C-alpha atoms as a PDB file:
ATOM      1  CA  MET A   1     -52.286  41.512 -62.694  1.00  0.00           C
ATOM      2  CA  ASP A   2     -53.016  41.988 -66.386  1.00  0.00           C
ATOM      3  CA  ARG A   3     -49.566  41.486 -67.935  1.00  0.00           C
ATOM      4  CA  SER A   4     -50.596  43.482 -70.987  1.00  0.00           C
ATOM      5  CA  LEU A   5     -50.266  46.571 -68.754  1.00  0.00           C
ATOM      6  CA  LEU A   6     -46.505  46.127 -68.303  1.00  0.00           C
ATOM      7  CA  SER A   7     -45.597  47.861 -71.565  1.00  0.00           C
ATOM      8  CA  PRO A   8     -47.860  50.935 -71.087  1.00  0.00           C
ATOM      9  CA  LEU A   9     -46.773  51.184 -67.434  1.00  0.00           C
ATOM     10  CA  SER A  10     -43.162  51.332 -68.600  1.00  0.00           C
ATOM     11  CA  LEU A  11     -44.088  54.018 -71.148  1.00  0.00           C
ATOM     12  CA  PHE A  12     -45.897  55.971 -68.424  1.00  0.00           C
ATOM     13  CA  ALA A  13     -42.728  55.914 -66.293  1.00  0.00           C
ATOM     14  CA  THR A  14     -40.656  57.069 -69.282  1.00  0.00           C
ATOM     15  CA  VAL A  15     -43.009  59.947 -70.139  1.00  0.00           C
ATOM     16  CA  SER A  16     -43.061  61.009 -66.471  1.00  0.00           C
ATOM     17  CA  ARG A  17     -39.260  60.988 -66.276  1.00  0.00           C
ATOM     18  CA  LEU A  18     -38.732  62.898 -69.531  1.00  0.00           C
ATOM     19  CA  ARG A  19     -41.802  65.143 -69.159  1.00  0.00           C
ATOM     20  CA  SER A  20     -42.436  64.782 -72.877  1.00  0.00           C
ATOM     21  CA  PHE A  21     -44.313  62.426 -75.208  1.00  0.00           C
ATOM     22  CA  ARG A  22     -41.946  63.271 -78.042  1.00  0.00           C
ATOM     23  CA  ALA A  23     -38.830  62.537 -75.978  1.00  0.00           C
ATOM     24  CA  ALA A  24     -40.426  59.299 -74.768  1.00  0.00           C
ATOM     25  CA  SER A  25     -41.136  58.319 -78.372  1.00  0.00           C
ATOM     26  CA  ARG A  26     -37.484  58.812 -79.314  1.00  0.00           C
ATOM     27  CA  GLU A  27     -36.325  56.698 -76.385  1.00  0.00           C
ATOM     28  CA  SER A  28     -38.877  53.939 -76.943  1.00  0.00           C
ATOM     29  CA  GLY A  29     -38.743  53.911 -80.744  1.00  0.00           C
ATOM     30  CA  LEU A  30     -42.510  54.451 -81.001  1.00  0.00           C
ATOM     31  CA  THR A  31     -44.297  57.347 -82.646  1.00  0.00           C
ATOM     32  CA  PRO A  32     -45.555  60.139 -80.364  1.00  0.00           C
ATOM     33  CA  SER A  33     -49.142  59.235 -81.237  1.00  0.00           C
ATOM     34  CA  ALA A  34     -48.519  55.602 -80.279  1.00  0.00           C
ATOM     35  CA  VAL A  35     -47.092  56.670 -76.926  1.00  0.00           C
ATOM     36  CA  SER A  36     -50.034  59.009 -76.298  1.00  0.00           C
ATOM     37  CA  HIS A  37     -52.523  56.302 -77.253  1.00  0.00           C
ATOM     38  CA  ALA A  38     -50.862  53.771 -74.929  1.00  0.00           C
ATOM     39  CA  ILE A  39     -51.017  56.168 -71.984  1.00  0.00           C
ATOM     40  CA  SER A  40     -54.648  57.079 -72.710  1.00  0.00           C
ATOM     41  CA  SER A  41     -55.573  53.395 -72.867  1.00  0.00           C
ATOM     42  CA  LEU A  42     -53.752  52.793 -69.577  1.00  0.00           C
ATOM     43  CA  GLU A  43     -55.695  55.611 -67.911  1.00  0.00           C
ATOM     44  CA  ILE A  44     -58.954  54.145 -69.167  1.00  0.00           C
ATOM     45  CA  SER A  45     -57.994  50.681 -67.908  1.00  0.00           C
ATOM     46  CA  LEU A  46     -57.089  51.997 -64.453  1.00  0.00           C
ATOM     47  CA  GLY A  47     -59.941  54.469 -64.307  1.00  0.00           C
ATOM     48  CA  VAL A  48     -57.716  57.322 -63.238  1.00  0.00           C
ATOM     49  CA  ARG A  49     -55.915  60.233 -64.917  1.00  0.00           C
ATOM     50  CA  LEU A  50     -52.171  59.743 -64.617  1.00  0.00           C
ATOM     51  CA  LEU A  51     -50.742  62.676 -66.565  1.00  0.00           C
ATOM     52  CA  GLN A  52     -51.560  66.362 -66.648  1.00  0.00           C
ATOM     53  CA  ARG A  53     -51.138  67.555 -70.225  1.00  0.00           C
ATOM     54  CA  THR A  54     -50.691  71.146 -71.360  1.00  0.00           C
ATOM     55  CA  THR A  55     -49.474  72.621 -74.634  1.00  0.00           C
ATOM     56  CA  ARG A  56     -46.019  73.090 -73.117  1.00  0.00           C
ATOM     57  CA  SER A  57     -45.484  70.290 -70.627  1.00  0.00           C
ATOM     58  CA  VAL A  58     -46.523  66.920 -69.309  1.00  0.00           C
ATOM     59  CA  SER A  59     -46.391  66.042 -65.613  1.00  0.00           C
ATOM     60  CA  PRO A  60     -47.833  63.319 -63.378  1.00  0.00           C
ATOM     61  CA  THR A  61     -51.057  63.991 -61.517  1.00  0.00           C
ATOM     62  CA  PRO A  62     -51.088  63.253 -57.764  1.00  0.00           C
ATOM     63  CA  GLU A  63     -52.483  59.831 -58.636  1.00  0.00           C
ATOM     64  CA  GLY A  64     -49.709  59.381 -61.195  1.00  0.00           C
ATOM     65  CA  GLU A  65     -47.042  60.353 -58.632  1.00  0.00           C
ATOM     66  CA  ALA A  66     -48.440  57.807 -56.179  1.00  0.00           C
ATOM     67  CA  LEU A  67     -48.294  55.094 -58.834  1.00  0.00           C
ATOM     68  CA  LEU A  68     -44.724  56.048 -59.807  1.00  0.00           C
ATOM     69  CA  GLU A  69     -43.462  55.759 -56.235  1.00  0.00           C
ATOM     70  CA  ARG A  70     -44.306  52.052 -56.232  1.00  0.00           C
ATOM     71  CA  LEU A  71     -43.774  51.434 -59.927  1.00  0.00           C
ATOM     72  CA  ALA A  72     -40.198  52.759 -60.338  1.00  0.00           C
ATOM     73  CA  PRO A  73     -38.454  50.222 -58.067  1.00  0.00           C
ATOM     74  CA  ALA A  74     -40.363  47.332 -59.683  1.00  0.00           C
ATOM     75  CA  LEU A  75     -39.415  48.419 -63.208  1.00  0.00           C
ATOM     76  CA  ALA A  76     -35.793  48.813 -62.107  1.00  0.00           C
ATOM     77  CA  GLU A  77     -35.807  45.257 -60.776  1.00  0.00           C
ATOM     78  CA  ILE A  78     -37.215  43.939 -64.045  1.00  0.00           C
ATOM     79  CA  SER A  79     -34.612  45.831 -66.070  1.00  0.00           C
ATOM     80  CA  GLU A  80     -31.830  44.549 -63.855  1.00  0.00           C
ATOM     81  CA  ALA A  81     -33.036  40.966 -64.184  1.00  0.00           C
ATOM     82  CA  VAL A  82     -33.140  41.192 -67.976  1.00  0.00           C
ATOM     83  CA  VAL A  83     -29.647  42.696 -68.234  1.00  0.00           C
ATOM     84  CA  ALA A  84     -28.193  40.245 -65.708  1.00  0.00           C
ATOM     85  CA  ALA A  85     -29.617  37.311 -67.655  1.00  0.00           C
ATOM     86  CA  GLY A  86     -27.664  38.395 -70.711  1.00  0.00           C
ATOM     87  CA  ALA A  87     -24.470  39.285 -68.872  1.00  0.00           C
ATOM     88  CA  GLY A  88     -24.047  36.162 -66.763  1.00  0.00           C
ATOM     89  CA  VAL A  89     -25.650  34.968 -63.556  1.00  0.00           C
ATOM     90  CA  GLY A  90     -24.500  36.946 -60.536  1.00  0.00           C
ATOM     91  CA  GLU A  91     -22.248  39.292 -62.519  1.00  0.00           C
ATOM     92  CA  PRO A  92     -22.900  42.968 -61.665  1.00  0.00           C
ATOM     93  CA  ALA A  93     -24.864  44.466 -64.537  1.00  0.00           C
ATOM     94  CA  GLY A  94     -27.583  46.945 -65.384  1.00  0.00           C
ATOM     95  CA  THR A  95     -28.272  50.574 -64.504  1.00  0.00           C
ATOM     96  CA  LEU A  96     -27.610  51.763 -60.972  1.00  0.00           C
ATOM     97  CA  LYS A  97     -29.365  54.994 -59.993  1.00  0.00           C
ATOM     98  CA  VAL A  98     -27.573  56.956 -57.279  1.00  0.00           C
ATOM     99  CA  ASN A  99     -28.598  60.292 -55.755  1.00  0.00           C
ATOM    100  CA  LEU A 100     -25.716  62.245 -54.223  1.00  0.00           C
ATOM    101  CA  SER A 101     -24.553  65.719 -53.357  1.00  0.00           C
ATOM    102  CA  ARG A 102     -22.040  67.487 -55.562  1.00  0.00           C
ATOM    103  CA  SER A 103     -19.451  67.381 -52.774  1.00  0.00           C
ATOM    104  CA  ALA A 104     -19.982  63.609 -52.409  1.00  0.00           C
ATOM    105  CA  PHE A 105     -19.419  63.240 -56.142  1.00  0.00           C
ATOM    106  CA  GLU A 106     -16.178  65.214 -55.978  1.00  0.00           C
ATOM    107  CA  ILE A 107     -14.795  63.648 -52.788  1.00  0.00           C
ATOM    108  CA  VAL A 108     -16.085  60.055 -52.797  1.00  0.00           C
ATOM    109  CA  VAL A 109     -17.034  59.037 -56.325  1.00  0.00           C
ATOM    110  CA  MET A 110     -14.873  60.895 -58.823  1.00  0.00           C
ATOM    111  CA  PRO A 111     -11.457  59.715 -57.513  1.00  0.00           C
ATOM    112  CA  LYS A 112     -12.522  56.044 -57.830  1.00  0.00           C
ATOM    113  CA  LEU A 113     -14.887  56.271 -60.779  1.00  0.00           C
ATOM    114  CA  ALA A 114     -12.505  55.161 -63.532  1.00  0.00           C
ATOM    115  CA  ALA A 115     -11.437  52.118 -61.505  1.00  0.00           C
ATOM    116  CA  PHE A 116     -15.069  51.170 -60.892  1.00  0.00           C
ATOM    117  CA  ARG A 117     -15.880  51.349 -64.594  1.00  0.00           C
ATOM    118  CA  ALA A 118     -12.862  49.221 -65.432  1.00  0.00           C
ATOM    119  CA  SER A 119     -13.832  46.587 -62.849  1.00  0.00           C
ATOM    120  CA  HIS A 120     -17.544  46.544 -63.664  1.00  0.00           C
ATOM    121  CA  PRO A 121     -18.016  47.286 -67.388  1.00  0.00           C
ATOM    122  CA  HIS A 122     -21.602  45.961 -67.425  1.00  0.00           C
ATOM    123  CA  VAL A 123     -22.802  48.442 -64.775  1.00  0.00           C
ATOM    124  CA  SER A 124     -24.124  51.775 -66.035  1.00  0.00           C
ATOM    125  CA  LEU A 125     -24.220  54.549 -63.423  1.00  0.00           C
ATOM    126  CA  ASP A 126     -27.082  57.039 -63.499  1.00  0.00           C
ATOM    127  CA  LEU A 127     -25.963  59.776 -61.096  1.00  0.00           C
ATOM    128  CA  THR A 128     -28.255  62.595 -59.951  1.00  0.00           C
ATOM    129  CA  LEU A 129     -26.424  65.439 -58.223  1.00  0.00           C
ATOM    130  CA  ASP A 130     -28.821  66.889 -55.666  1.00  0.00           C
ATOM    131  CA  ASP A 131     -27.850  68.736 -52.499  1.00  0.00           C
ATOM    132  CA  GLY A 132     -31.164  67.950 -50.834  1.00  0.00           C
ATOM    133  CA  LEU A 133     -31.654  64.779 -48.789  1.00  0.00           C
ATOM    134  CA  ALA A 134     -33.404  62.480 -51.251  1.00  0.00           C
ATOM    135  CA  ASP A 135     -35.821  59.751 -50.197  1.00  0.00           C
ATOM    136  CA  VAL A 136     -34.154  57.139 -52.371  1.00  0.00           C
ATOM    137  CA  ALA A 137     -36.868  54.522 -51.875  1.00  0.00           C
ATOM    138  CA  SER A 138     -39.778  56.662 -53.056  1.00  0.00           C
ATOM    139  CA  LYS A 139     -37.852  58.394 -55.852  1.00  0.00           C
ATOM    140  CA  GLY A 140     -36.713  55.199 -57.551  1.00  0.00           C
ATOM    141  CA  PHE A 141     -33.008  55.421 -56.650  1.00  0.00           C
ATOM    142  CA  ASP A 142     -30.964  52.399 -55.682  1.00  0.00           C
ATOM    143  CA  ALA A 143     -28.835  54.341 -53.208  1.00  0.00           C
ATOM    144  CA  GLY A 144     -27.728  57.774 -52.078  1.00  0.00           C
ATOM    145  CA  ILE A 145     -24.546  59.348 -50.713  1.00  0.00           C
ATOM    146  CA  ARG A 146     -24.734  62.041 -48.043  1.00  0.00           C
ATOM    147  CA  LEU A 147     -22.970  63.072 -44.856  1.00  0.00           C
ATOM    148  CA  ARG A 148     -23.568  60.237 -42.415  1.00  0.00           C
ATOM    149  CA  GLU A 149     -25.007  62.561 -39.773  1.00  0.00           C
ATOM    150  CA  ALA A 150     -27.828  63.521 -42.150  1.00  0.00           C
ATOM    151  CA  ILE A 151     -28.886  60.015 -43.192  1.00  0.00           C
ATOM    152  CA  GLU A 152     -32.169  58.711 -41.806  1.00  0.00           C
ATOM    153  CA  ARG A 153     -31.766  56.010 -39.158  1.00  0.00           C
ATOM    154  CA  ASP A 154     -34.015  53.548 -40.973  1.00  0.00           C
ATOM    155  CA  MET A 155     -31.555  53.349 -43.875  1.00  0.00           C
ATOM    156  CA  ILE A 156     -28.636  50.953 -44.183  1.00  0.00           C
ATOM    157  CA  ARG A 157     -25.552  53.182 -43.852  1.00  0.00           C
ATOM    158  CA  VAL A 158     -22.051  52.293 -45.039  1.00  0.00           C
ATOM    159  CA  PRO A 159     -19.126  54.689 -44.420  1.00  0.00           C
ATOM    160  CA  ALA A 160     -17.673  56.093 -47.634  1.00  0.00           C
ATOM    161  CA  GLY A 161     -14.568  58.224 -47.508  1.00  0.00           C
ATOM    162  CA  PRO A 162     -12.508  59.518 -44.574  1.00  0.00           C
ATOM    163  CA  PRO A 163     -13.553  61.882 -41.765  1.00  0.00           C
ATOM    164  CA  LEU A 164     -13.830  65.454 -43.007  1.00  0.00           C
ATOM    165  CA  SER A 165     -13.301  68.990 -41.799  1.00  0.00           C
ATOM    166  CA  LEU A 166     -14.492  72.322 -43.126  1.00  0.00           C
ATOM    167  CA  ALA A 167     -12.013  74.781 -44.582  1.00  0.00           C
ATOM    168  CA  VAL A 168     -12.612  78.510 -44.385  1.00  0.00           C
ATOM    169  CA  VAL A 169     -10.739  80.059 -47.286  1.00  0.00           C
ATOM    170  CA  ALA A 170     -10.009  83.369 -48.961  1.00  0.00           C
ATOM    171  CA  SER A 171      -7.646  84.589 -51.656  1.00  0.00           C
ATOM    172  CA  PRO A 172      -4.340  86.263 -50.738  1.00  0.00           C
ATOM    173  CA  ASP A 173      -5.526  89.461 -52.448  1.00  0.00           C
ATOM    174  CA  TYR A 174      -8.686  89.627 -50.322  1.00  0.00           C
ATOM    175  CA  LEU A 175      -6.738  89.097 -47.100  1.00  0.00           C
ATOM    176  CA  ALA A 176      -4.141  91.709 -48.075  1.00  0.00           C
ATOM    177  CA  ALA A 177      -6.921  94.255 -48.539  1.00  0.00           C
ATOM    178  CA  SER A 178      -9.249  93.265 -45.668  1.00  0.00           C
ATOM    179  CA  GLY A 179      -7.081  91.596 -43.043  1.00  0.00           C
ATOM    180  CA  THR A 180      -7.029  88.043 -41.721  1.00  0.00           C
ATOM    181  CA  PRO A 181      -9.624  86.753 -39.228  1.00  0.00           C
ATOM    182  CA  LEU A 182      -7.916  84.994 -36.302  1.00  0.00           C
ATOM    183  CA  THR A 183     -11.000  83.638 -34.521  1.00  0.00           C
ATOM    184  CA  PRO A 184     -14.527  82.749 -35.688  1.00  0.00           C
ATOM    185  CA  ARG A 185     -15.747  85.896 -33.944  1.00  0.00           C
ATOM    186  CA  ASP A 186     -13.631  87.999 -36.333  1.00  0.00           C
ATOM    187  CA  LEU A 187     -15.669  86.762 -39.323  1.00  0.00           C
ATOM    188  CA  ALA A 188     -18.442  89.272 -38.577  1.00  0.00           C
ATOM    189  CA  GLY A 189     -16.267  92.042 -39.968  1.00  0.00           C
ATOM    190  CA  HIS A 190     -15.582  90.299 -43.271  1.00  0.00           C
ATOM    191  CA  ALA A 191     -17.361  89.834 -46.594  1.00  0.00           C
ATOM    192  CA  GLY A 192     -18.829  86.362 -46.857  1.00  0.00           C
ATOM    193  CA  ILE A 193     -19.725  84.044 -49.725  1.00  0.00           C
ATOM    194  CA  VAL A 194     -22.374  81.946 -48.017  1.00  0.00           C
ATOM    195  CA  ARG A 195     -24.210  78.774 -48.872  1.00  0.00           C
ATOM    196  CA  ARG A 196     -27.982  78.876 -49.438  1.00  0.00           C
ATOM    197  CA  PHE A 197     -29.923  75.623 -49.283  1.00  0.00           C
ATOM    198  CA  ASP A 198     -32.903  74.931 -51.539  1.00  0.00           C
ATOM    199  CA  THR A 199     -35.140  75.702 -48.538  1.00  0.00           C
ATOM    200  CA  GLY A 200     -33.781  79.265 -48.551  1.00  0.00           C
ATOM    201  CA  GLU A 201     -31.910  78.729 -45.285  1.00  0.00           C
ATOM    202  CA  ILE A 202     -28.370  80.095 -45.033  1.00  0.00           C
ATOM    203  CA  TYR A 203     -25.828  77.644 -43.655  1.00  0.00           C
ATOM    204  CA  ARG A 204     -24.161  78.966 -40.503  1.00  0.00           C
ATOM    205  CA  TRP A 205     -20.519  77.941 -40.341  1.00  0.00           C
ATOM    206  CA  GLU A 206     -19.723  75.482 -37.558  1.00  0.00           C
ATOM    207  CA  PHE A 207     -16.613  75.663 -35.389  1.00  0.00           C
ATOM    208  CA  GLU A 208     -15.273  74.392 -32.092  1.00  0.00           C
ATOM    209  CA  ALA A 209     -13.769  76.790 -29.558  1.00  0.00           C
ATOM    210  CA  ASP A 210     -12.426  75.602 -26.184  1.00  0.00           C
ATOM    211  CA  GLY A 211     -14.091  72.243 -26.725  1.00  0.00           C
ATOM    212  CA  ARG A 212     -17.493  73.799 -27.315  1.00  0.00           C
ATOM    213  CA  PRO A 213     -19.409  73.997 -30.616  1.00  0.00           C
ATOM    214  CA  ALA A 214     -19.942  77.479 -32.019  1.00  0.00           C
ATOM    215  CA  VAL A 215     -21.437  78.991 -35.134  1.00  0.00           C
ATOM    216  CA  ALA A 216     -20.364  82.139 -36.950  1.00  0.00           C
ATOM    217  CA  LEU A 217     -20.950  83.810 -40.267  1.00  0.00           C
ATOM    218  CA  PRO A 218     -19.289  86.672 -42.144  1.00  0.00           C
ATOM    219  CA  LYS A 219     -21.415  89.466 -43.545  1.00  0.00           C
ATOM    220  CA  PRO A 220     -23.055  87.904 -46.633  1.00  0.00           C
ATOM    221  CA  VAL A 221     -22.201  89.706 -49.839  1.00  0.00           C
ATOM    222  CA  MET A 222     -23.070  86.761 -52.061  1.00  0.00           C
ATOM    223  CA  ALA A 223     -25.223  83.666 -51.547  1.00  0.00           C
ATOM    224  CA  VAL A 224     -24.875  80.579 -53.757  1.00  0.00           C
ATOM    225  CA  ASN A 225     -26.525  77.171 -53.788  1.00  0.00           C
ATOM    226  CA  ASP A 226     -23.379  75.408 -55.008  1.00  0.00           C
ATOM    227  CA  THR A 227     -20.095  75.028 -53.118  1.00  0.00           C
ATOM    228  CA  ARG A 228     -18.033  75.089 -56.312  1.00  0.00           C
ATOM    229  CA  ALA A 229     -19.497  78.488 -57.214  1.00  0.00           C
ATOM    230  CA  GLY A 230     -18.519  79.766 -53.763  1.00  0.00           C
ATOM    231  CA  ILE A 231     -14.961  78.539 -54.239  1.00  0.00           C
ATOM    232  CA  ASP A 232     -14.735  80.301 -57.609  1.00  0.00           C
ATOM    233  CA  ALA A 233     -16.001  83.526 -56.020  1.00  0.00           C
ATOM    234  CA  ALA A 234     -13.381  83.266 -53.267  1.00  0.00           C
ATOM    235  CA  LEU A 235     -10.669  82.757 -55.899  1.00  0.00           C
ATOM    236  CA  SER A 236     -11.822  86.013 -57.487  1.00  0.00           C
ATOM    237  CA  GLY A 237     -11.254  87.870 -54.211  1.00  0.00           C
ATOM    238  CA  LEU A 238     -14.924  88.567 -53.472  1.00  0.00           C
ATOM    239  CA  GLY A 239     -14.771  87.380 -49.881  1.00  0.00           C
ATOM    240  CA  ILE A 240     -14.379  84.434 -47.520  1.00  0.00           C
ATOM    241  CA  ALA A 241     -15.994  81.086 -48.329  1.00  0.00           C
ATOM    242  CA  VAL A 242     -16.262  77.672 -46.724  1.00  0.00           C
ATOM    243  CA  ALA A 243     -15.908  74.236 -48.312  1.00  0.00           C
ATOM    244  CA  MET A 244     -14.897  70.736 -47.337  1.00  0.00           C
ATOM    245  CA  LEU A 245     -11.115  70.527 -47.101  1.00  0.00           C
ATOM    246  CA  PRO A 246     -10.610  67.972 -49.923  1.00  0.00           C
ATOM    247  CA  GLN A 247     -12.429  70.325 -52.308  1.00  0.00           C
ATOM    248  CA  VAL A 248      -9.881  73.118 -51.801  1.00  0.00           C
ATOM    249  CA  ALA A 249      -6.730  71.266 -50.692  1.00  0.00           C
ATOM    250  CA  SER A 250      -4.981  71.618 -54.065  1.00  0.00           C
ATOM    251  CA  LEU A 251      -5.856  75.325 -54.281  1.00  0.00           C
ATOM    252  CA  ILE A 252      -4.406  75.864 -50.793  1.00  0.00           C
ATOM    253  CA  ALA A 253      -1.264  73.952 -51.730  1.00  0.00           C
ATOM    254  CA  GLU A 254      -0.874  76.119 -54.854  1.00  0.00           C
ATOM    255  CA  GLY A 255      -1.225  79.304 -52.807  1.00  0.00           C
ATOM    256  CA  ARG A 256      -4.343  80.441 -54.648  1.00  0.00           C
ATOM    257  CA  LEU A 257      -6.397  80.194 -51.460  1.00  0.00           C
ATOM    258  CA  VAL A 258      -5.398  80.594 -47.808  1.00  0.00           C
ATOM    259  CA  HIS A 259      -6.715  78.160 -45.178  1.00  0.00           C
ATOM    260  CA  LEU A 260      -8.141  80.182 -42.271  1.00  0.00           C
ATOM    261  CA  LEU A 261      -9.190  79.205 -38.723  1.00  0.00           C
ATOM    262  CA  ALA A 262      -7.925  75.631 -39.125  1.00  0.00           C
ATOM    263  CA  ASP A 263      -7.550  75.214 -35.341  1.00  0.00           C
ATOM    264  CA  TYR A 264     -11.279  75.899 -34.936  1.00  0.00           C
ATOM    265  CA  SER A 265     -12.448  73.362 -37.519  1.00  0.00           C
ATOM    266  CA  PRO A 266     -12.658  69.870 -35.995  1.00  0.00           C
ATOM    267  CA  GLN A 267     -13.150  66.688 -37.960  1.00  0.00           C
ATOM    268  CA  PHE A 268     -16.602  65.165 -38.311  1.00  0.00           C
ATOM    269  CA  GLU A 269     -18.079  62.004 -39.783  1.00  0.00           C
ATOM    270  CA  GLY A 270     -17.650  61.847 -43.524  1.00  0.00           C
ATOM    271  CA  PHE A 271     -19.983  60.562 -46.202  1.00  0.00           C
ATOM    272  CA  GLY A 272     -21.991  57.393 -46.194  1.00  0.00           C
ATOM    273  CA  ILE A 273     -23.725  55.309 -48.830  1.00  0.00           C
ATOM    274  CA  TYR A 274     -27.313  54.630 -47.812  1.00  0.00           C
ATOM    275  CA  TYR A 275     -30.053  52.412 -49.190  1.00  0.00           C
ATOM    276  CA  PRO A 276     -33.255  50.721 -47.993  1.00  0.00           C
ATOM    277  CA  SER A 277     -32.936  47.491 -46.076  1.00  0.00           C
ATOM    278  CA  ARG A 278     -33.161  44.470 -48.370  1.00  0.00           C
ATOM    279  CA  ARG A 279     -32.545  40.822 -47.635  1.00  0.00           C
ATOM    280  CA  GLN A 280     -30.452  40.462 -50.798  1.00  0.00           C
ATOM    281  CA  LEU A 281     -28.688  43.298 -52.579  1.00  0.00           C
ATOM    282  CA  ARG A 282     -28.611  43.484 -56.342  1.00  0.00           C
ATOM    283  CA  PRO A 283     -25.131  42.553 -57.604  1.00  0.00           C
ATOM    284  CA  ALA A 284     -24.653  46.015 -59.120  1.00  0.00           C
ATOM    285  CA  LEU A 285     -25.430  47.777 -55.825  1.00  0.00           C
ATOM    286  CA  ARG A 286     -23.235  45.378 -53.855  1.00  0.00           C
ATOM    287  CA  ALA A 287     -20.351  46.079 -56.256  1.00  0.00           C
ATOM    288  CA  PHE A 288     -20.895  49.841 -55.900  1.00  0.00           C
ATOM    289  CA  VAL A 289     -20.972  49.701 -52.097  1.00  0.00           C
ATOM    290  CA  ASP A 290     -17.897  47.501 -51.885  1.00  0.00           C
ATOM    291  CA  HIS A 291     -15.934  49.740 -54.260  1.00  0.00           C
ATOM    292  CA  PHE A 292     -16.760  53.141 -52.758  1.00  0.00           C
ATOM    293  CA  ARG A 293     -16.965  52.276 -49.069  1.00  0.00           C
ATOM    294  CA  SER A 294     -14.184  53.433 -46.738  1.00  0.00           C
END
């Protein structure tokens, strides 16, 4: 490999991440024209167009996306090696990129985050909150955190956090006005604040009745793509919502929300940290796994 390409390849990754030559110039300390010239020279050297440029945006071409998929992990390894060399051999250091759902952030990461920072001051966490199921290997992430049942089998999976259960909740004012559902079947007559995934699919609430799985859903009056927004809507008395129990436990204890249908909500596997199989983990990732695992 021509080692003179390392610098423009790094700039290409930066421009692709920031979607802007100007933002990349601020981060790199180069002028926008110097960044643009470096990328143009790289495209000429490789014989392929890597970026699609318009007056308003910059985005990778299909060829650029393919290059990024293999380039991002390599650049991360180089960055980690450089930081580790300055921080001490074997000491966890560098940037750790983690893709996780908002609920995983609230339940698994946030309660232990301050302690992790105190124990590992040389590790910088780059957290992307994304409720999809990210392919961490191709997207340049070191690891992800999702419900264990949703993690691909070819990933290394480490339990993180306790078993969970869903909590169907509503405000006292809503229940006083509309009545209290006593079984999942009763939900059909109630206003529902439902969860919409990025695919457009509406999540059907899962229960267990007489040892058998069942699904039910109230009449949707509001759909949200964020559990926290659904909780806020339930607090306002707009209807019945569902969340993971740790997310609403304090609100239930305070009496601001009422826990409904608890006998029909069994426990299920909680979250897991997942990452591609590697013979030797980076010290920063090993520290993260050890700290946040169950």
